[in-house]
Amino acid sequence: MNLIVDIGNTSTKLAVFEGKKKLSQSRINELSCEELEQELRGIKAQKAIISSVKKIPLIISELFFSNIPYVHVLSHKSRLPFKIEYDTPETLGSDRIAAVAGAFNLFPGTEVLIIDAGTALTFDFLSANIYKGGNISPGLTMRFKALNKFTDRLPLVSPTESFTFPGQNTTDAIMAGVITGVAYEINEYIRTFENKHTDFNILLTGGDSEFLKDKIKYHITYMPDIVIDGLNYILEYNAK
């Protein structure tokens, strides 16, 4: 049994696999020893992988390394089935590595543009077995928060499907600006890639992917949990 832990900027995801089959998945917003132990009660994992975009909490290190026979911490030094062409691989987020691994497993031998709409909006490009690099910009929530934090009068709003365009009030103006701005950005990235690549797959993932998927004008593969799937793939690949 495999235990997958994905520590993100806003929450921690846990998943349990039996080989390639996912048995369960959960999310913890506020990580604590009690909640973690409750989530893991009854799970007898033989292998585990930890992916974290920040320092790994001590409670996870102590709990995992003392109870699970094989624990792999994902980094750019992990054994991967693809080559990383990135000038600073040590700065490449483990979540991005995992998403690329998931795409590699899902679309072997092809070109894939991986769009992760999470806290940050990332674009990563996989060409056969070579990771060519990617781009990073603020995600939806980060843009809403930035408008509120760096101005005196703009309110903090949350995304909804209903707003006027162009905005007929300040809230709708923010909604229309941020949401359509992100949609335009994604669609323009894809259009730009089409100018250079005749045949590639587009994979959409991340916490805001469900909200954004109908705003993309191109054929996409919607895989909200590709990072989790990629982590299990990397775990199996390294545990061989």
C-alpha atoms as a PDB file:
ATOM      1  CA  MET A   1       0.000   0.000   0.000  1.00  0.00           C
ATOM      2  CA  ASN A   2       1.326   3.450  -0.978  1.00  0.00           C
ATOM      3  CA  LEU A   3       0.760   6.656   0.985  1.00  0.00           C
ATOM      4  CA  ILE A   4       0.961   9.939  -0.922  1.00  0.00           C
ATOM      5  CA  VAL A   5       1.384  13.312   0.798  1.00  0.00           C
ATOM      6  CA  ASP A   6       1.229  16.540  -1.187  1.00  0.00           C
ATOM      7  CA  ILE A   7       1.888  19.629   0.962  1.00  0.00           C
ATOM      8  CA  GLY A   8       0.804  22.728  -0.932  1.00  0.00           C
ATOM      9  CA  ASN A   9       0.682  26.417  -0.165  1.00  0.00           C
ATOM     10  CA  THR A  10      -2.871  26.323   1.183  1.00  0.00           C
ATOM     11  CA  SER A  11      -3.617  22.700   2.108  1.00  0.00           C
ATOM     12  CA  THR A  12      -2.242  19.158   2.377  1.00  0.00           C
ATOM     13  CA  LYS A  13      -3.577  16.308   0.252  1.00  0.00           C
ATOM     14  CA  LEU A  14      -3.341  12.675   1.299  1.00  0.00           C
ATOM     15  CA  ALA A  15      -3.989   9.664  -0.905  1.00  0.00           C
ATOM     16  CA  VAL A  16      -3.722   5.905  -0.580  1.00  0.00           C
ATOM     17  CA  PHE A  17      -2.908   3.658  -3.559  1.00  0.00           C
ATOM     18  CA  GLU A  18      -2.741  -0.081  -4.022  1.00  0.00           C
ATOM     19  CA  GLY A  19      -0.314  -0.237  -6.909  1.00  0.00           C
ATOM     20  CA  LYS A  20      -1.784   2.080  -9.550  1.00  0.00           C
ATOM     21  CA  LYS A  21      -5.292   2.011  -8.077  1.00  0.00           C
ATOM     22  CA  LYS A  22      -6.301   4.941  -5.907  1.00  0.00           C
ATOM     23  CA  LEU A  23      -8.231   3.768  -2.843  1.00  0.00           C
ATOM     24  CA  SER A  24      -8.874   7.081  -1.107  1.00  0.00           C
ATOM     25  CA  GLN A  25      -8.008  10.758  -1.082  1.00  0.00           C
ATOM     26  CA  SER A  26      -8.538  13.553   1.436  1.00  0.00           C
ATOM     27  CA  ARG A  27      -7.528  17.140   2.116  1.00  0.00           C
ATOM     28  CA  ILE A  28      -6.377  18.815   5.346  1.00  0.00           C
ATOM     29  CA  ASN A  29      -6.535  22.608   5.493  1.00  0.00           C
ATOM     30  CA  GLU A  30      -4.922  23.058   8.906  1.00  0.00           C
ATOM     31  CA  LEU A  31      -2.325  20.338   9.443  1.00  0.00           C
ATOM     32  CA  SER A  32      -2.092  19.043  13.015  1.00  0.00           C
ATOM     33  CA  CYS A  33      -0.749  15.880  14.597  1.00  0.00           C
ATOM     34  CA  GLU A  34      -4.217  14.842  15.782  1.00  0.00           C
ATOM     35  CA  GLU A  35      -5.903  15.318  12.419  1.00  0.00           C
ATOM     36  CA  LEU A  36      -3.062  13.611  10.574  1.00  0.00           C
ATOM     37  CA  GLU A  37      -3.151  10.587  12.873  1.00  0.00           C
ATOM     38  CA  GLN A  38      -6.921  10.399  12.453  1.00  0.00           C
ATOM     39  CA  GLU A  39      -6.622  10.470   8.657  1.00  0.00           C
ATOM     40  CA  LEU A  40      -3.961   7.730   8.700  1.00  0.00           C
ATOM     41  CA  ARG A  41      -5.624   5.474  11.285  1.00  0.00           C
ATOM     42  CA  GLY A  42      -5.883   1.916   9.962  1.00  0.00           C
ATOM     43  CA  ILE A  43      -3.605   2.555   6.975  1.00  0.00           C
ATOM     44  CA  LYS A  44      -0.614   0.209   6.931  1.00  0.00           C
ATOM     45  CA  ALA A  45       1.533   1.722   4.217  1.00  0.00           C
ATOM     46  CA  GLN A  46       4.690  -0.016   3.047  1.00  0.00           C
ATOM     47  CA  LYS A  47       5.823   2.900   0.892  1.00  0.00           C
ATOM     48  CA  ALA A  48       5.271   6.646   1.055  1.00  0.00           C
ATOM     49  CA  ILE A  49       6.241   9.770  -0.840  1.00  0.00           C
ATOM     50  CA  ILE A  50       6.261  13.326   0.462  1.00  0.00           C
ATOM     51  CA  SER A  51       6.049  16.329  -1.826  1.00  0.00           C
ATOM     52  CA  SER A  52       6.183  19.777  -0.280  1.00  0.00           C
ATOM     53  CA  VAL A  53       6.454  23.305  -1.647  1.00  0.00           C
ATOM     54  CA  LYS A  54       7.729  24.422   1.767  1.00  0.00           C
ATOM     55  CA  LYS A  55       9.650  22.959   4.689  1.00  0.00           C
ATOM     56  CA  ILE A  56       8.253  19.557   5.644  1.00  0.00           C
ATOM     57  CA  PRO A  57       6.487  19.772   9.023  1.00  0.00           C
ATOM     58  CA  LEU A  58       8.209  17.850  11.798  1.00  0.00           C
ATOM     59  CA  ILE A  59       5.033  15.891  12.616  1.00  0.00           C
ATOM     60  CA  ILE A  60       5.058  14.343   9.130  1.00  0.00           C
ATOM     61  CA  SER A  61       8.768  13.471   9.244  1.00  0.00           C
ATOM     62  CA  GLU A  62       8.498  11.826  12.660  1.00  0.00           C
ATOM     63  CA  LEU A  63       5.293   9.946  11.879  1.00  0.00           C
ATOM     64  CA  PHE A  64       6.373   8.667   8.471  1.00  0.00           C
ATOM     65  CA  PHE A  65      10.019   7.762   8.996  1.00  0.00           C
ATOM     66  CA  SER A  66       9.262   5.909  12.217  1.00  0.00           C
ATOM     67  CA  ASN A  67       6.305   3.877  10.892  1.00  0.00           C
ATOM     68  CA  ILE A  68       6.756   3.297   7.148  1.00  0.00           C
ATOM     69  CA  PRO A  69       9.537   1.038   5.767  1.00  0.00           C
ATOM     70  CA  TYR A  70      10.223   3.090   2.615  1.00  0.00           C
ATOM     71  CA  VAL A  71       9.771   6.881   2.499  1.00  0.00           C
ATOM     72  CA  HIS A  72      10.818   9.000  -0.481  1.00  0.00           C
ATOM     73  CA  VAL A  73      11.022  12.799  -0.303  1.00  0.00           C
ATOM     74  CA  LEU A  74      10.562  14.214  -3.781  1.00  0.00           C
ATOM     75  CA  SER A  75      13.197  16.645  -5.067  1.00  0.00           C
ATOM     76  CA  HIS A  76      15.038  17.448  -8.282  1.00  0.00           C
ATOM     77  CA  LYS A  77      17.505  14.729  -7.229  1.00  0.00           C
ATOM     78  CA  SER A  78      14.837  12.028  -7.345  1.00  0.00           C
ATOM     79  CA  ARG A  79      15.157   9.386 -10.020  1.00  0.00           C
ATOM     80  CA  LEU A  80      12.774  10.433 -12.795  1.00  0.00           C
ATOM     81  CA  PRO A  81      11.792   8.860 -16.128  1.00  0.00           C
ATOM     82  CA  PHE A  82      12.383  12.159 -17.925  1.00  0.00           C
ATOM     83  CA  LYS A  83      15.230  14.653 -18.194  1.00  0.00           C
ATOM     84  CA  ILE A  84      14.904  18.106 -16.619  1.00  0.00           C
ATOM     85  CA  GLU A  85      16.224  20.918 -18.818  1.00  0.00           C
ATOM     86  CA  TYR A  86      16.058  23.724 -16.265  1.00  0.00           C
ATOM     87  CA  ASP A  87      18.916  26.040 -15.355  1.00  0.00           C
ATOM     88  CA  THR A  88      18.076  25.892 -11.636  1.00  0.00           C
ATOM     89  CA  PRO A  89      16.522  22.451 -11.018  1.00  0.00           C
ATOM     90  CA  GLU A  90      16.927  22.916  -7.259  1.00  0.00           C
ATOM     91  CA  THR A  91      14.320  25.713  -7.432  1.00  0.00           C
ATOM     92  CA  LEU A  92      11.805  23.664  -9.401  1.00  0.00           C
ATOM     93  CA  GLY A  93       8.762  23.017  -7.221  1.00  0.00           C
ATOM     94  CA  SER A  94       8.075  19.394  -6.344  1.00  0.00           C
ATOM     95  CA  ASP A  95       4.427  19.881  -7.296  1.00  0.00           C
ATOM     96  CA  ARG A  96       5.507  20.852 -10.808  1.00  0.00           C
ATOM     97  CA  ILE A  97       7.803  17.818 -11.036  1.00  0.00           C
ATOM     98  CA  ALA A  98       4.940  15.569  -9.934  1.00  0.00           C
ATOM     99  CA  ALA A  99       2.514  17.084 -12.452  1.00  0.00           C
ATOM    100  CA  VAL A 100       5.036  16.510 -15.250  1.00  0.00           C
ATOM    101  CA  ALA A 101       5.484  12.900 -14.088  1.00  0.00           C
ATOM    102  CA  GLY A 102       1.723  12.407 -14.160  1.00  0.00           C
ATOM    103  CA  ALA A 103       1.578  13.840 -17.682  1.00  0.00           C
ATOM    104  CA  PHE A 104       4.506  11.642 -18.764  1.00  0.00           C
ATOM    105  CA  ASN A 105       2.666   8.576 -17.508  1.00  0.00           C
ATOM    106  CA  LEU A 106      -0.647   9.617 -19.073  1.00  0.00           C
ATOM    107  CA  PHE A 107       0.717  10.707 -22.463  1.00  0.00           C
ATOM    108  CA  PRO A 108       3.957   8.733 -22.998  1.00  0.00           C
ATOM    109  CA  GLY A 109       6.222   9.876 -25.810  1.00  0.00           C
ATOM    110  CA  THR A 110       4.188  12.984 -26.690  1.00  0.00           C
ATOM    111  CA  GLU A 111       4.331  16.730 -26.124  1.00  0.00           C
ATOM    112  CA  VAL A 112       2.199  18.003 -23.251  1.00  0.00           C
ATOM    113  CA  LEU A 113       1.405  21.489 -21.996  1.00  0.00           C
ATOM    114  CA  ILE A 114       0.525  21.160 -18.298  1.00  0.00           C
ATOM    115  CA  ILE A 115      -1.533  24.042 -16.896  1.00  0.00           C
ATOM    116  CA  ASP A 116      -1.828  24.051 -13.107  1.00  0.00           C
ATOM    117  CA  ALA A 117      -4.367  26.584 -11.828  1.00  0.00           C
ATOM    118  CA  GLY A 118      -3.565  26.643  -8.138  1.00  0.00           C
ATOM    119  CA  THR A 119      -2.186  29.261  -5.770  1.00  0.00           C
ATOM    120  CA  ALA A 120       0.112  30.104  -8.675  1.00  0.00           C
ATOM    121  CA  LEU A 121      -0.804  29.618 -12.320  1.00  0.00           C
ATOM    122  CA  THR A 122       1.925  27.518 -13.889  1.00  0.00           C
ATOM    123  CA  PHE A 123       2.585  26.366 -17.443  1.00  0.00           C
ATOM    124  CA  ASP A 124       5.012  23.470 -17.924  1.00  0.00           C
ATOM    125  CA  PHE A 125       6.048  21.839 -21.169  1.00  0.00           C
ATOM    126  CA  LEU A 126       7.026  18.197 -21.589  1.00  0.00           C
ATOM    127  CA  SER A 127       8.435  17.068 -24.918  1.00  0.00           C
ATOM    128  CA  ALA A 128       8.583  13.252 -25.059  1.00  0.00           C
ATOM    129  CA  ASN A 129      11.011  12.468 -22.207  1.00  0.00           C
ATOM    130  CA  ILE A 130      12.396  15.989 -21.709  1.00  0.00           C
ATOM    131  CA  TYR A 131      10.966  18.643 -19.407  1.00  0.00           C
ATOM    132  CA  LYS A 132      11.664  21.871 -21.303  1.00  0.00           C
ATOM    133  CA  GLY A 133      10.681  24.397 -18.626  1.00  0.00           C
ATOM    134  CA  GLY A 134       7.686  26.553 -17.865  1.00  0.00           C
ATOM    135  CA  ASN A 135       6.213  29.836 -16.701  1.00  0.00           C
ATOM    136  CA  ILE A 136       4.705  31.049 -13.424  1.00  0.00           C
ATOM    137  CA  SER A 137       2.177  33.810 -12.776  1.00  0.00           C
ATOM    138  CA  PRO A 138      -0.275  34.623  -9.946  1.00  0.00           C
ATOM    139  CA  GLY A 139      -3.328  32.400  -9.595  1.00  0.00           C
ATOM    140  CA  LEU A 140      -6.933  33.552  -9.164  1.00  0.00           C
ATOM    141  CA  THR A 141      -6.932  33.908  -5.372  1.00  0.00           C
ATOM    142  CA  MET A 142      -3.527  35.598  -5.359  1.00  0.00           C
ATOM    143  CA  ARG A 143      -4.779  38.212  -7.837  1.00  0.00           C
ATOM    144  CA  PHE A 144      -7.902  38.914  -5.780  1.00  0.00           C
ATOM    145  CA  LYS A 145      -5.808  39.264  -2.617  1.00  0.00           C
ATOM    146  CA  ALA A 146      -3.246  41.504  -4.307  1.00  0.00           C
ATOM    147  CA  LEU A 147      -5.925  43.971  -5.464  1.00  0.00           C
ATOM    148  CA  ASN A 148      -7.264  44.158  -1.922  1.00  0.00           C
ATOM    149  CA  LYS A 149      -3.907  44.338  -0.137  1.00  0.00           C
ATOM    150  CA  PHE A 150      -2.169  46.887  -2.335  1.00  0.00           C
ATOM    151  CA  THR A 151      -5.083  49.337  -2.613  1.00  0.00           C
ATOM    152  CA  ASP A 152      -7.054  51.285  -0.014  1.00  0.00           C
ATOM    153  CA  ARG A 153     -10.574  50.829  -1.320  1.00  0.00           C
ATOM    154  CA  LEU A 154     -10.845  47.681  -3.399  1.00  0.00           C
ATOM    155  CA  PRO A 155     -12.676  44.867  -1.569  1.00  0.00           C
ATOM    156  CA  LEU A 156     -11.527  41.264  -1.271  1.00  0.00           C
ATOM    157  CA  VAL A 157     -13.821  39.146  -3.427  1.00  0.00           C
ATOM    158  CA  SER A 158     -14.097  35.456  -4.249  1.00  0.00           C
ATOM    159  CA  PRO A 159     -14.729  34.050  -7.730  1.00  0.00           C
ATOM    160  CA  THR A 160     -18.288  33.366  -8.864  1.00  0.00           C
ATOM    161  CA  GLU A 161     -19.757  32.448 -12.212  1.00  0.00           C
ATOM    162  CA  SER A 162     -22.126  35.420 -12.241  1.00  0.00           C
ATOM    163  CA  PHE A 163     -20.780  38.911 -12.945  1.00  0.00           C
ATOM    164  CA  THR A 164     -21.365  41.671 -15.458  1.00  0.00           C
ATOM    165  CA  PHE A 165     -18.928  42.229 -18.306  1.00  0.00           C
ATOM    166  CA  PRO A 166     -17.779  44.918 -18.446  1.00  0.00           C
ATOM    167  CA  GLY A 167     -18.238  45.271 -14.708  1.00  0.00           C
ATOM    168  CA  GLN A 168     -21.162  47.485 -13.678  1.00  0.00           C
ATOM    169  CA  ASN A 169     -19.895  47.796 -10.089  1.00  0.00           C
ATOM    170  CA  THR A 170     -16.549  47.482  -8.330  1.00  0.00           C
ATOM    171  CA  THR A 171     -17.043  43.850  -7.299  1.00  0.00           C
ATOM    172  CA  ASP A 172     -18.015  42.835 -10.825  1.00  0.00           C
ATOM    173  CA  ALA A 173     -15.174  44.910 -12.272  1.00  0.00           C
ATOM    174  CA  ILE A 174     -12.701  42.931 -10.147  1.00  0.00           C
ATOM    175  CA  MET A 175     -14.397  39.640 -11.073  1.00  0.00           C
ATOM    176  CA  ALA A 176     -14.397  40.449 -14.771  1.00  0.00           C
ATOM    177  CA  GLY A 177     -10.828  41.689 -14.679  1.00  0.00           C
ATOM    178  CA  VAL A 178      -9.331  38.763 -12.791  1.00  0.00           C
ATOM    179  CA  ILE A 179     -11.370  35.830 -14.090  1.00  0.00           C
ATOM    180  CA  THR A 180     -11.446  36.809 -17.750  1.00  0.00           C
ATOM    181  CA  GLY A 181      -7.828  37.954 -17.459  1.00  0.00           C
ATOM    182  CA  VAL A 182      -6.738  34.487 -16.321  1.00  0.00           C
ATOM    183  CA  ALA A 183      -8.880  32.856 -19.020  1.00  0.00           C
ATOM    184  CA  TYR A 184      -7.360  35.127 -21.680  1.00  0.00           C
ATOM    185  CA  GLU A 185      -3.880  34.313 -20.379  1.00  0.00           C
ATOM    186  CA  ILE A 186      -4.450  30.563 -20.574  1.00  0.00           C
ATOM    187  CA  ASN A 187      -6.000  30.720 -24.037  1.00  0.00           C
ATOM    188  CA  GLU A 188      -3.209  32.952 -25.353  1.00  0.00           C
ATOM    189  CA  TYR A 189      -0.537  30.604 -23.975  1.00  0.00           C
ATOM    190  CA  ILE A 190      -2.164  27.712 -25.804  1.00  0.00           C
ATOM    191  CA  ARG A 191      -2.469  29.744 -29.016  1.00  0.00           C
ATOM    192  CA  THR A 192       1.213  30.680 -28.775  1.00  0.00           C
ATOM    193  CA  PHE A 193       2.211  27.028 -28.320  1.00  0.00           C
ATOM    194  CA  GLU A 194       0.117  26.113 -31.356  1.00  0.00           C
ATOM    195  CA  ASN A 195       2.284  28.421 -33.465  1.00  0.00           C
ATOM    196  CA  LYS A 196       5.362  26.310 -32.680  1.00  0.00           C
ATOM    197  CA  HIS A 197       3.959  22.822 -32.033  1.00  0.00           C
ATOM    198  CA  THR A 198       1.563  21.099 -34.393  1.00  0.00           C
ATOM    199  CA  ASP A 199       0.446  18.263 -32.153  1.00  0.00           C
ATOM    200  CA  PHE A 200       0.449  18.443 -28.354  1.00  0.00           C
ATOM    201  CA  ASN A 201      -1.841  17.524 -25.497  1.00  0.00           C
ATOM    202  CA  ILE A 202      -3.180  20.095 -23.034  1.00  0.00           C
ATOM    203  CA  LEU A 203      -3.626  18.981 -19.448  1.00  0.00           C
ATOM    204  CA  LEU A 204      -5.466  21.156 -16.898  1.00  0.00           C
ATOM    205  CA  THR A 205      -5.118  20.602 -13.151  1.00  0.00           C
ATOM    206  CA  GLY A 206      -5.089  22.507  -9.862  1.00  0.00           C
ATOM    207  CA  GLY A 207      -7.554  23.793  -7.294  1.00  0.00           C
ATOM    208  CA  ASP A 208      -9.170  26.354  -9.619  1.00  0.00           C
ATOM    209  CA  SER A 209      -9.154  24.086 -12.667  1.00  0.00           C
ATOM    210  CA  GLU A 210     -12.818  23.092 -12.326  1.00  0.00           C
ATOM    211  CA  PHE A 211     -13.825  26.765 -12.228  1.00  0.00           C
ATOM    212  CA  LEU A 212     -11.718  27.597 -15.287  1.00  0.00           C
ATOM    213  CA  LYS A 213     -12.076  24.521 -17.501  1.00  0.00           C
ATOM    214  CA  ASP A 214     -15.182  25.748 -19.361  1.00  0.00           C
ATOM    215  CA  LYS A 215     -13.474  29.057 -20.127  1.00  0.00           C
ATOM    216  CA  ILE A 216     -10.731  27.422 -22.194  1.00  0.00           C
ATOM    217  CA  LYS A 217     -11.448  27.432 -25.916  1.00  0.00           C
ATOM    218  CA  TYR A 218      -9.267  24.436 -26.731  1.00  0.00           C
ATOM    219  CA  HIS A 219      -9.638  20.709 -26.232  1.00  0.00           C
ATOM    220  CA  ILE A 220      -8.129  19.842 -22.857  1.00  0.00           C
ATOM    221  CA  THR A 221      -7.732  16.825 -20.619  1.00  0.00           C
ATOM    222  CA  TYR A 222      -9.098  17.776 -17.222  1.00  0.00           C
ATOM    223  CA  MET A 223      -7.126  15.973 -14.508  1.00  0.00           C
ATOM    224  CA  PRO A 224      -7.527  17.786 -11.159  1.00  0.00           C
ATOM    225  CA  ASP A 225      -5.447  15.169  -9.318  1.00  0.00           C
ATOM    226  CA  ILE A 226      -2.581  14.688 -11.772  1.00  0.00           C
ATOM    227  CA  VAL A 227      -0.069  15.751  -9.070  1.00  0.00           C
ATOM    228  CA  ILE A 228      -1.259  12.943  -6.768  1.00  0.00           C
ATOM    229  CA  ASP A 229      -1.156  10.439  -9.637  1.00  0.00           C
ATOM    230  CA  GLY A 230       2.302  11.661 -10.610  1.00  0.00           C
ATOM    231  CA  LEU A 231       3.575  11.266  -7.053  1.00  0.00           C
ATOM    232  CA  ASN A 232       2.422   7.660  -6.929  1.00  0.00           C
ATOM    233  CA  TYR A 233       4.120   7.047 -10.285  1.00  0.00           C
ATOM    234  CA  ILE A 234       7.397   8.562  -8.992  1.00  0.00           C
ATOM    235  CA  LEU A 235       7.143   6.522  -5.774  1.00  0.00           C
ATOM    236  CA  GLU A 236       6.781   3.277  -7.715  1.00  0.00           C
ATOM    237  CA  TYR A 237       9.575   4.311 -10.091  1.00  0.00           C
ATOM    238  CA  ASN A 238      12.019   5.018  -7.232  1.00  0.00           C
ATOM    239  CA  ALA A 239      11.062   2.012  -5.117  1.00  0.00           C
ATOM    240  CA  LYS A 240      11.933  -0.512  -7.847  1.00  0.00           C
END
